[in-house]
Protein backbone atom coordinates (compact mmCIF):
# COMPACT_ATOMS: atom_id res chain seq x y z
CA MET A 1 0.00 0.00 0.00
CA PRO A 2 1.53 3.36 -1.00
CA ARG A 3 2.30 6.03 1.55
CA LYS A 4 0.33 9.28 1.54
CA ILE A 5 1.79 12.59 0.40
CA ARG A 6 1.52 13.88 3.99
CA ASN A 7 3.78 11.00 5.13
CA LEU A 8 6.42 11.89 2.55
CA MET A 9 6.33 15.51 3.73
CA ARG A 10 6.67 14.43 7.36
CA ASP A 11 9.66 12.23 6.50
CA LEU A 12 11.35 15.13 4.70
CA GLU A 13 10.79 17.49 7.63
CA LYS A 14 12.18 14.92 10.09
CA ALA A 15 15.30 14.70 7.90
CA GLY A 16 15.85 18.46 8.20
CA PHE A 17 14.18 19.69 5.01
CA VAL A 18 12.25 22.97 5.16
CA ASN A 19 8.96 23.42 3.32
CA ARG A 20 9.40 26.55 1.22
CA GLY A 21 5.79 26.50 -0.02
CA GLY A 22 4.79 26.23 -3.63
CA LYS A 23 2.14 26.95 -6.18
CA GLY A 24 -1.05 24.92 -6.29
CA SER A 25 -0.50 21.36 -5.12
CA HIS A 26 3.31 21.61 -5.37
CA ARG A 27 5.56 21.95 -2.33
CA ASN A 28 9.26 22.75 -2.49
CA PHE A 29 11.58 21.40 0.17
CA LYS A 30 15.15 22.51 0.73
CA HIS A 31 17.82 21.04 2.98
CA PRO A 32 20.56 23.20 4.58
CA SER A 33 23.10 21.23 2.53
CA GLY A 34 21.53 22.59 -0.66
CA LEU A 35 19.49 19.56 -1.71
CA LYS A 36 16.05 20.34 -3.15
CA ILE A 37 12.97 18.29 -3.98
CA THR A 38 9.45 19.13 -5.13
CA ILE A 39 6.45 17.05 -4.08
CA SER A 40 3.14 17.38 -5.91
CA GLY A 41 -0.31 16.18 -4.89
CA LYS A 42 -2.90 16.78 -2.19
CA LEU A 43 -2.06 15.72 1.36
CA GLY A 44 -4.42 12.73 1.34
CA ASP A 45 -3.41 11.42 -2.10
CA ASP A 46 -1.48 8.19 -2.46
CA ALA A 47 2.14 8.86 -3.36
CA LYS A 48 3.36 7.61 -6.71
CA ARG A 49 6.12 5.04 -6.70
CA TYR A 50 8.62 7.52 -8.19
CA GLN A 51 7.80 10.06 -5.47
CA GLU A 52 8.52 7.54 -2.72
CA ARG A 53 11.76 6.52 -4.45
CA ASP A 54 12.89 10.14 -4.93
CA VAL A 55 12.11 11.11 -1.32
CA ASP A 56 13.97 8.08 0.05
CA ALA A 57 16.96 8.86 -2.18
CA VAL A 58 17.18 12.54 -1.22
CA ILE A 59 16.87 11.73 2.49
CA LYS A 60 19.65 9.15 2.15
CA GLU A 61 21.81 11.73 0.35
CA ALA A 62 21.15 14.33 3.06
CA ASN A 63 22.25 11.91 5.80
CA LYS A 64 25.70 11.34 4.27
């Protein structure tokens, strides 16, 4: 079962990313190290497989 968009956002914030807002259903997150990622979708939507993969990869990169 896919995670929800709100869960991806929570994971990013726990990893130190800051929600910089966005336009429409897009949210831009930035890490103090300079990494950036954009998440699209409503909070209650199921996350797409590529979104989960990208979030996991950017969090792993930020923890290096």
